[in-house]
Amino acid sequence: MDLSDEIRIAAPREDVYRALNDPDVLRECIPGCEELTQSEPGKLEAKVVLKIGPVKARFAGEVTLDTSNAPDGFTLSGEGKGGAAGFAKGGADVTLTEDGDETVLSYTAKVDIGGKIAQLGSRLIAGTAKKLSGKFFTKFGEVVSEQTLS
């Protein structure tokens, strides 16, 4: 499954980039996130509870960030296991473009799933993934804009 979108954030690119690398900000913005810790530079470990249709599962996983293109963007990849519910793995390319006092964040992501959640149907899964990414980026934009104003 592929996802892509772009949002406009009322903050300078450096602030947006810094926030995307801040576990506290990410924890606040990721829907269902129970725990997010930085295990080493460029590596995050997460525990997230998600409900996709009738299936509710706790996923534990690791995300790796490639920041070699900073602050213009970065690439992330990760994998999460949800026990009997299945697994999800994938990655995303994120680009940050300055536009005056604002930043345009665009991303393209690819996700592969397996197990019980994969049996739910691609329309339900795609709809849930789009809804969750929308919630994340809406909350992220609000948090970063508030931090910039303070």
C-alpha atoms as a PDB file:
ATOM      1  CA  MET A   1       0.000   0.000   0.000  1.00  0.00           C
ATOM      2  CA  ASP A   2       1.301   3.444  -0.930  1.00  0.00           C
ATOM      3  CA  LEU A   3       0.445   6.729   0.792  1.00  0.00           C
ATOM      4  CA  SER A   4       1.454  10.271  -0.055  1.00  0.00           C
ATOM      5  CA  ASP A   5       0.379  13.710   1.077  1.00  0.00           C
ATOM      6  CA  GLU A   6       1.655  17.148   1.913  1.00  0.00           C
ATOM      7  CA  ILE A   7       0.839  19.593   4.666  1.00  0.00           C
ATOM      8  CA  ARG A   8       1.760  23.195   5.375  1.00  0.00           C
ATOM      9  CA  ILE A   9       3.170  23.956   8.822  1.00  0.00           C
ATOM     10  CA  ALA A  10       3.416  27.485  10.233  1.00  0.00           C
ATOM     11  CA  ALA A  11       7.033  27.114  11.339  1.00  0.00           C
ATOM     12  CA  PRO A  12      10.540  27.403   9.851  1.00  0.00           C
ATOM     13  CA  ARG A  13      12.045  24.263   8.270  1.00  0.00           C
ATOM     14  CA  GLU A  14      14.682  23.878  11.015  1.00  0.00           C
ATOM     15  CA  ASP A  15      11.950  23.809  13.700  1.00  0.00           C
ATOM     16  CA  VAL A  16       9.924  21.235  11.744  1.00  0.00           C
ATOM     17  CA  TYR A  17      12.993  19.060  11.199  1.00  0.00           C
ATOM     18  CA  ARG A  18      13.968  19.262  14.873  1.00  0.00           C
ATOM     19  CA  ALA A  19      10.418  18.294  15.930  1.00  0.00           C
ATOM     20  CA  LEU A  20      10.396  15.301  13.559  1.00  0.00           C
ATOM     21  CA  ASN A  21      13.466  14.038  15.410  1.00  0.00           C
ATOM     22  CA  ASP A  22      12.106  14.700  18.919  1.00  0.00           C
ATOM     23  CA  PRO A  23      10.687  11.551  20.564  1.00  0.00           C
ATOM     24  CA  ASP A  24       8.532  13.642  22.947  1.00  0.00           C
ATOM     25  CA  VAL A  25       6.842  15.484  20.065  1.00  0.00           C
ATOM     26  CA  LEU A  26       6.368  12.279  18.073  1.00  0.00           C
ATOM     27  CA  ARG A  27       4.929  10.432  21.094  1.00  0.00           C
ATOM     28  CA  GLU A  28       2.344  13.182  21.489  1.00  0.00           C
ATOM     29  CA  CYS A  29       1.369  13.061  17.805  1.00  0.00           C
ATOM     30  CA  ILE A  30       1.336   9.343  16.927  1.00  0.00           C
ATOM     31  CA  PRO A  31      -2.203   7.955  17.329  1.00  0.00           C
ATOM     32  CA  GLY A  32      -2.282   5.174  19.937  1.00  0.00           C
ATOM     33  CA  CYS A  33       1.355   5.663  20.956  1.00  0.00           C
ATOM     34  CA  GLU A  34       1.978   4.296  24.442  1.00  0.00           C
ATOM     35  CA  GLU A  35       5.748   4.509  24.441  1.00  0.00           C
ATOM     36  CA  LEU A  36       8.451   5.970  22.204  1.00  0.00           C
ATOM     37  CA  THR A  37      12.094   6.011  23.166  1.00  0.00           C
ATOM     38  CA  GLN A  38      15.321   6.743  21.358  1.00  0.00           C
ATOM     39  CA  SER A  39      17.494   3.640  21.737  1.00  0.00           C
ATOM     40  CA  GLU A  40      20.457   5.242  19.947  1.00  0.00           C
ATOM     41  CA  PRO A  41      20.930   8.138  17.494  1.00  0.00           C
ATOM     42  CA  GLY A  42      18.688   7.515  14.495  1.00  0.00           C
ATOM     43  CA  LYS A  43      16.785   4.623  16.104  1.00  0.00           C
ATOM     44  CA  LEU A  44      13.446   4.757  17.898  1.00  0.00           C
ATOM     45  CA  GLU A  45      11.543   1.985  19.655  1.00  0.00           C
ATOM     46  CA  ALA A  46       7.766   2.261  19.892  1.00  0.00           C
ATOM     47  CA  LYS A  47       4.706   0.596  21.394  1.00  0.00           C
ATOM     48  CA  VAL A  48       1.459   1.565  19.686  1.00  0.00           C
ATOM     49  CA  VAL A  49      -2.116   0.311  20.095  1.00  0.00           C
ATOM     50  CA  LEU A  50      -4.169   0.387  16.890  1.00  0.00           C
ATOM     51  CA  LYS A  51      -7.685  -0.631  16.005  1.00  0.00           C
ATOM     52  CA  ILE A  52      -8.259  -1.574  12.377  1.00  0.00           C
ATOM     53  CA  GLY A  53     -11.848  -2.586  11.841  1.00  0.00           C
ATOM     54  CA  PRO A  54     -12.626  -5.343  14.372  1.00  0.00           C
ATOM     55  CA  VAL A  55      -8.944  -6.039  15.125  1.00  0.00           C
ATOM     56  CA  LYS A  56      -7.240  -4.214  17.983  1.00  0.00           C
ATOM     57  CA  ALA A  57      -3.568  -4.931  18.554  1.00  0.00           C
ATOM     58  CA  ARG A  58      -0.518  -3.643  20.370  1.00  0.00           C
ATOM     59  CA  PHE A  59       2.447  -3.296  18.046  1.00  0.00           C
ATOM     60  CA  ALA A  60       6.045  -3.146  19.195  1.00  0.00           C
ATOM     61  CA  GLY A  61       8.609  -2.040  16.696  1.00  0.00           C
ATOM     62  CA  GLU A  62      11.680  -0.113  15.729  1.00  0.00           C
ATOM     63  CA  VAL A  63      12.115   2.808  13.347  1.00  0.00           C
ATOM     64  CA  THR A  64      15.430   3.815  11.773  1.00  0.00           C
ATOM     65  CA  LEU A  65      16.011   7.349  10.457  1.00  0.00           C
ATOM     66  CA  ASP A  66      18.446   8.185   7.669  1.00  0.00           C
ATOM     67  CA  THR A  67      19.174  11.875   8.154  1.00  0.00           C
ATOM     68  CA  SER A  68      21.887  12.215   5.498  1.00  0.00           C
ATOM     69  CA  ASN A  69      19.672  14.666   3.548  1.00  0.00           C
ATOM     70  CA  ALA A  70      18.970  16.934   6.567  1.00  0.00           C
ATOM     71  CA  PRO A  71      17.403  19.482   6.912  1.00  0.00           C
ATOM     72  CA  ASP A  72      15.772  19.119   3.472  1.00  0.00           C
ATOM     73  CA  GLY A  73      14.317  15.774   4.488  1.00  0.00           C
ATOM     74  CA  PHE A  74      15.019  12.245   5.581  1.00  0.00           C
ATOM     75  CA  THR A  75      14.090   8.627   5.029  1.00  0.00           C
ATOM     76  CA  LEU A  76      12.677   6.324   7.649  1.00  0.00           C
ATOM     77  CA  SER A  77      12.084   2.599   7.725  1.00  0.00           C
ATOM     78  CA  GLY A  78      10.588   0.365  10.342  1.00  0.00           C
ATOM     79  CA  GLU A  79       8.812  -2.793  11.315  1.00  0.00           C
ATOM     80  CA  GLY A  80       6.211  -3.530  13.968  1.00  0.00           C
ATOM     81  CA  LYS A  81       4.922  -6.835  15.263  1.00  0.00           C
ATOM     82  CA  GLY A  82       1.425  -7.189  16.672  1.00  0.00           C
ATOM     83  CA  GLY A  83       1.443 -10.801  17.815  1.00  0.00           C
ATOM     84  CA  ALA A  84      -1.493 -12.788  16.430  1.00  0.00           C
ATOM     85  CA  ALA A  85      -2.814  -9.664  14.675  1.00  0.00           C
ATOM     86  CA  GLY A  86       0.147  -9.640  12.318  1.00  0.00           C
ATOM     87  CA  PHE A  87       2.900  -7.268  11.326  1.00  0.00           C
ATOM     88  CA  ALA A  88       3.502  -4.044   9.451  1.00  0.00           C
ATOM     89  CA  LYS A  89       6.725  -2.908   7.829  1.00  0.00           C
ATOM     90  CA  GLY A  90       7.593  -0.110   5.498  1.00  0.00           C
ATOM     91  CA  GLY A  91       9.289   3.184   4.980  1.00  0.00           C
ATOM     92  CA  ALA A  92       8.782   6.775   3.968  1.00  0.00           C
ATOM     93  CA  ASP A  93      10.627   9.616   2.282  1.00  0.00           C
ATOM     94  CA  VAL A  94       9.931  13.001   3.852  1.00  0.00           C
ATOM     95  CA  THR A  95      10.794  16.300   2.163  1.00  0.00           C
ATOM     96  CA  LEU A  96      10.757  19.705   3.877  1.00  0.00           C
ATOM     97  CA  THR A  97      10.529  22.779   1.663  1.00  0.00           C
ATOM     98  CA  GLU A  98      10.705  26.345   2.964  1.00  0.00           C
ATOM     99  CA  ASP A  99       7.947  28.659   1.786  1.00  0.00           C
ATOM    100  CA  GLY A 100       8.383  32.049   3.443  1.00  0.00           C
ATOM    101  CA  ASP A 101       7.786  31.625   7.197  1.00  0.00           C
ATOM    102  CA  GLU A 102       6.171  28.223   6.660  1.00  0.00           C
ATOM    103  CA  THR A 103       7.336  24.733   5.741  1.00  0.00           C
ATOM    104  CA  VAL A 104       5.712  22.363   3.283  1.00  0.00           C
ATOM    105  CA  LEU A 105       6.132  18.777   4.473  1.00  0.00           C
ATOM    106  CA  SER A 106       5.524  16.145   1.815  1.00  0.00           C
ATOM    107  CA  TYR A 107       5.878  12.408   2.159  1.00  0.00           C
ATOM    108  CA  THR A 108       5.547   9.192   0.219  1.00  0.00           C
ATOM    109  CA  ALA A 109       5.257   5.963   2.171  1.00  0.00           C
ATOM    110  CA  LYS A 110       5.041   2.295   1.362  1.00  0.00           C
ATOM    111  CA  VAL A 111       3.616  -0.177   3.877  1.00  0.00           C
ATOM    112  CA  ASP A 112       3.378  -3.967   3.753  1.00  0.00           C
ATOM    113  CA  ILE A 113       1.188  -5.873   6.207  1.00  0.00           C
ATOM    114  CA  GLY A 114       0.645  -9.511   7.029  1.00  0.00           C
ATOM    115  CA  GLY A 115      -1.272 -11.760   9.391  1.00  0.00           C
ATOM    116  CA  LYS A 116      -4.838 -11.285  10.584  1.00  0.00           C
ATOM    117  CA  ILE A 117      -4.916  -7.576   9.735  1.00  0.00           C
ATOM    118  CA  ALA A 118      -4.024  -8.332   6.115  1.00  0.00           C
ATOM    119  CA  GLN A 119      -7.259 -10.332   5.825  1.00  0.00           C
ATOM    120  CA  LEU A 120      -9.427  -7.281   6.579  1.00  0.00           C
ATOM    121  CA  GLY A 121      -9.375  -6.003   3.028  1.00  0.00           C
ATOM    122  CA  SER A 122      -7.291  -3.371   1.336  1.00  0.00           C
ATOM    123  CA  ARG A 123     -10.008  -0.675   1.342  1.00  0.00           C
ATOM    124  CA  LEU A 124     -10.448  -0.834   5.134  1.00  0.00           C
ATOM    125  CA  ILE A 125      -6.701  -0.895   5.739  1.00  0.00           C
ATOM    126  CA  ALA A 126      -5.981   1.924   3.277  1.00  0.00           C
ATOM    127  CA  GLY A 127      -8.766   4.045   4.782  1.00  0.00           C
ATOM    128  CA  THR A 128      -7.458   3.465   8.310  1.00  0.00           C
ATOM    129  CA  ALA A 129      -3.862   4.211   7.273  1.00  0.00           C
ATOM    130  CA  LYS A 130      -4.923   7.453   5.593  1.00  0.00           C
ATOM    131  CA  LYS A 131      -6.985   8.463   8.645  1.00  0.00           C
ATOM    132  CA  LEU A 132      -4.108   7.711  11.060  1.00  0.00           C
ATOM    133  CA  SER A 133      -1.534   9.585   8.964  1.00  0.00           C
ATOM    134  CA  GLY A 134      -3.954  12.527   8.723  1.00  0.00           C
ATOM    135  CA  LYS A 135      -4.364  12.570  12.517  1.00  0.00           C
ATOM    136  CA  PHE A 136      -0.599  12.414  13.001  1.00  0.00           C
ATOM    137  CA  PHE A 137       0.218  15.267  10.629  1.00  0.00           C
ATOM    138  CA  THR A 138      -2.637  17.475  11.828  1.00  0.00           C
ATOM    139  CA  LYS A 139      -1.499  17.089  15.446  1.00  0.00           C
ATOM    140  CA  PHE A 140       2.165  17.453  14.451  1.00  0.00           C
ATOM    141  CA  GLY A 141       1.431  20.719  12.609  1.00  0.00           C
ATOM    142  CA  GLU A 142      -0.444  22.063  15.656  1.00  0.00           C
ATOM    143  CA  VAL A 143       2.337  21.110  18.112  1.00  0.00           C
ATOM    144  CA  VAL A 144       5.152  22.557  15.986  1.00  0.00           C
ATOM    145  CA  SER A 145       3.227  25.781  15.262  1.00  0.00           C
ATOM    146  CA  GLU A 146       2.530  26.227  19.000  1.00  0.00           C
ATOM    147  CA  GLN A 147       6.197  25.656  19.887  1.00  0.00           C
ATOM    148  CA  THR A 148       7.249  28.237  17.295  1.00  0.00           C
ATOM    149  CA  LEU A 149       4.831  30.826  18.678  1.00  0.00           C
ATOM    150  CA  SER A 150       5.971  30.337  22.294  1.00  0.00           C
END
